[in-house]
Amino acid sequence: MTNAPSQPDHRPAALTPIYWAVVAYTTLGLASGLYYREFTKAHDFHGVTQLAFVHTHLLALGTLLGLILLLLERGFGLSRTAQWMPMWITYNAGLVITATMLTVKGTLQVLGSSSATSPALAGIAGLGHILLTLALVFLLVALKKRLPA
């Protein structure tokens, strides 16, 4: 039995950063779920808090969408478009800002701080969501450019 000659590896360079982002968001998502459970338990908190959404935001937008990006990059080479870097930067910035503001606001809610209703917190969280929306637009444009005619 002869072994076929090994083929050179033609993986797009963007696969590795996407993979490590998925690992990071998965780790943060799981840690945020633990933080939510333990922090609310330690403060005997039984109300509604934004902390409950950090876990799902990080796992859905960070892990699941990141895995989808891996497949899209592998299949379509999205990183070869002009929209890739703007998408990647705005997406990660938007997700980090959104998750951070959910954590800050949720922590303040559990502590019973009046700062939890600050318009500044809402504004910064809104900025995170705007960046995520912009990143999705960049992603769709990049995908359109790489689809077969």
Protein backbone atom coordinates (compact mmCIF):
# COMPACT_ATOMS: atom_id res chain seq x y z
CA MET A 1 0.00 0.00 0.00
CA THR A 2 1.47 3.30 -1.03
CA ASN A 3 0.81 6.52 0.72
CA ALA A 4 -0.31 9.42 -1.40
CA PRO A 5 2.05 12.38 -1.32
CA SER A 6 1.03 14.84 1.30
CA GLN A 7 -0.75 17.90 0.00
CA PRO A 8 0.42 21.35 1.06
CA ASP A 9 -1.75 22.96 3.67
CA HIS A 10 -3.82 25.74 2.07
CA ARG A 11 -5.81 26.78 5.11
CA PRO A 12 -6.69 30.46 5.23
CA ALA A 13 -4.63 32.37 7.77
CA ALA A 14 -7.82 33.62 9.47
CA LEU A 15 -8.79 30.16 10.77
CA THR A 16 -6.42 30.21 13.74
CA PRO A 17 -7.51 33.60 15.15
CA ILE A 18 -11.15 32.59 14.75
CA TYR A 19 -10.48 29.32 16.60
CA TRP A 20 -8.78 31.09 19.50
CA ALA A 21 -11.59 33.65 19.69
CA VAL A 22 -14.06 30.75 19.95
CA VAL A 23 -11.99 29.23 22.75
CA ALA A 24 -11.85 32.58 24.58
CA TYR A 25 -15.59 33.29 24.21
CA THR A 26 -16.47 29.76 25.32
CA THR A 27 -14.29 30.13 28.40
CA LEU A 28 -15.74 33.56 29.20
CA GLY A 29 -19.28 32.34 28.56
CA LEU A 30 -18.91 29.43 30.96
CA ALA A 31 -17.17 31.59 33.55
CA SER A 32 -19.92 34.22 33.33
CA GLY A 33 -22.56 31.58 34.02
CA LEU A 34 -20.66 30.55 37.12
CA TYR A 35 -20.26 34.19 38.17
CA TYR A 36 -24.00 34.81 37.76
CA ARG A 37 -24.94 31.78 39.84
CA GLU A 38 -22.44 32.34 42.62
CA PHE A 39 -22.72 36.14 42.81
CA THR A 40 -26.52 36.14 43.03
CA LYS A 41 -26.40 33.32 45.57
CA ALA A 42 -23.81 35.13 47.71
CA HIS A 43 -26.00 38.25 47.78
CA ASP A 44 -29.26 36.32 48.23
CA PHE A 45 -30.60 37.97 45.08
CA HIS A 46 -33.78 36.57 43.53
CA GLY A 47 -34.79 39.32 41.09
CA VAL A 48 -34.13 39.95 37.42
CA THR A 49 -30.60 40.96 36.49
CA GLN A 50 -28.64 41.54 33.29
CA LEU A 51 -26.09 39.01 34.56
CA ALA A 52 -28.42 36.27 33.35
CA PHE A 53 -27.77 37.34 29.74
CA VAL A 54 -23.97 37.49 29.74
CA HIS A 55 -23.64 33.70 29.58
CA THR A 56 -26.00 33.33 26.62
CA HIS A 57 -24.62 36.35 24.72
CA LEU A 58 -21.06 35.02 24.93
CA LEU A 59 -21.97 31.44 24.05
CA ALA A 60 -24.38 32.32 21.23
CA LEU A 61 -22.53 35.27 19.69
CA GLY A 62 -19.00 34.25 20.64
CA THR A 63 -18.96 30.47 20.45
CA LEU A 64 -21.74 29.54 18.04
CA LEU A 65 -21.27 32.41 15.60
CA GLY A 66 -17.51 31.90 15.84
CA LEU A 67 -17.91 28.26 14.83
CA ILE A 68 -20.09 29.37 11.92
CA LEU A 69 -17.39 31.89 10.93
CA LEU A 70 -14.84 29.05 10.93
CA LEU A 71 -16.98 27.13 8.46
CA LEU A 72 -17.65 30.20 6.31
CA GLU A 73 -13.95 31.09 6.24
CA ARG A 74 -12.99 27.53 5.36
CA GLY A 75 -15.60 27.30 2.62
CA PHE A 76 -15.57 30.78 1.14
CA GLY A 77 -12.31 32.44 2.19
CA LEU A 78 -14.04 35.50 3.61
CA SER A 79 -10.73 36.86 4.85
CA ARG A 80 -9.80 37.57 1.23
CA THR A 81 -12.37 40.38 1.08
CA ALA A 82 -11.91 44.01 2.04
CA GLN A 83 -14.77 43.64 4.55
CA TRP A 84 -13.10 40.92 6.62
CA MET A 85 -10.88 43.01 8.88
CA PRO A 86 -13.50 45.70 9.56
CA MET A 87 -15.96 42.90 10.36
CA TRP A 88 -13.55 41.05 12.63
CA ILE A 89 -12.54 44.17 14.57
CA THR A 90 -16.06 45.60 14.97
CA TYR A 91 -17.51 42.18 15.83
CA ASN A 92 -15.03 41.48 18.61
CA ALA A 93 -15.18 45.03 19.94
CA GLY A 94 -18.98 44.97 19.90
CA LEU A 95 -19.20 41.62 21.68
CA VAL A 96 -16.66 42.59 24.34
CA ILE A 97 -18.39 45.94 24.98
CA THR A 98 -21.84 44.31 25.11
CA ALA A 99 -20.76 41.51 27.46
CA THR A 100 -18.83 43.93 29.68
CA MET A 101 -21.77 46.30 30.02
CA LEU A 102 -24.16 43.44 30.76
CA THR A 103 -21.76 42.32 33.49
CA VAL A 104 -21.36 45.81 34.95
CA LYS A 105 -25.07 46.60 34.91
CA GLY A 106 -26.01 43.17 36.24
CA THR A 107 -23.50 43.39 39.06
CA LEU A 108 -24.84 46.82 40.02
CA GLN A 109 -28.40 45.45 39.93
CA VAL A 110 -27.50 42.60 42.30
CA LEU A 111 -25.79 45.08 44.62
CA GLY A 112 -28.89 47.29 44.56
CA SER A 113 -27.00 50.32 43.24
CA SER A 114 -28.95 53.19 41.73
CA SER A 115 -26.13 53.45 39.14
CA ALA A 116 -27.59 50.38 37.42
CA THR A 117 -30.12 52.64 35.68
CA SER A 118 -27.50 55.11 34.45
CA PRO A 119 -28.10 56.40 30.91
CA ALA A 120 -24.34 56.22 30.37
CA LEU A 121 -24.39 52.45 30.88
CA ALA A 122 -27.28 52.13 28.45
CA GLY A 123 -25.45 54.28 25.90
CA ILE A 124 -22.27 52.23 26.05
CA ALA A 125 -24.25 48.98 25.82
CA GLY A 126 -26.06 50.43 22.81
CA LEU A 127 -22.70 51.19 21.20
CA GLY A 128 -21.75 47.52 21.62
CA HIS A 129 -24.95 46.44 19.92
CA ILE A 130 -24.43 48.96 17.09
CA LEU A 131 -20.93 47.55 16.50
CA LEU A 132 -22.33 44.01 16.40
CA THR A 133 -24.93 45.10 13.85
CA LEU A 134 -22.28 46.80 11.71
CA ALA A 135 -20.11 43.68 11.89
CA LEU A 136 -22.99 41.53 10.66
CA VAL A 137 -23.49 43.89 7.70
CA PHE A 138 -19.76 43.59 6.86
CA LEU A 139 -20.06 39.81 7.15
CA LEU A 140 -23.02 39.62 4.77
CA VAL A 141 -21.28 41.86 2.22
CA ALA A 142 -18.12 39.75 2.44
CA LEU A 143 -20.13 36.56 2.01
CA LYS A 144 -21.96 38.00 -1.01
CA LYS A 145 -18.63 38.85 -2.66
CA ARG A 146 -17.32 35.30 -2.18
CA LEU A 147 -20.43 33.45 -3.37
CA PRO A 148 -20.16 31.93 -6.83
CA ALA A 149 -21.74 34.08 -9.53
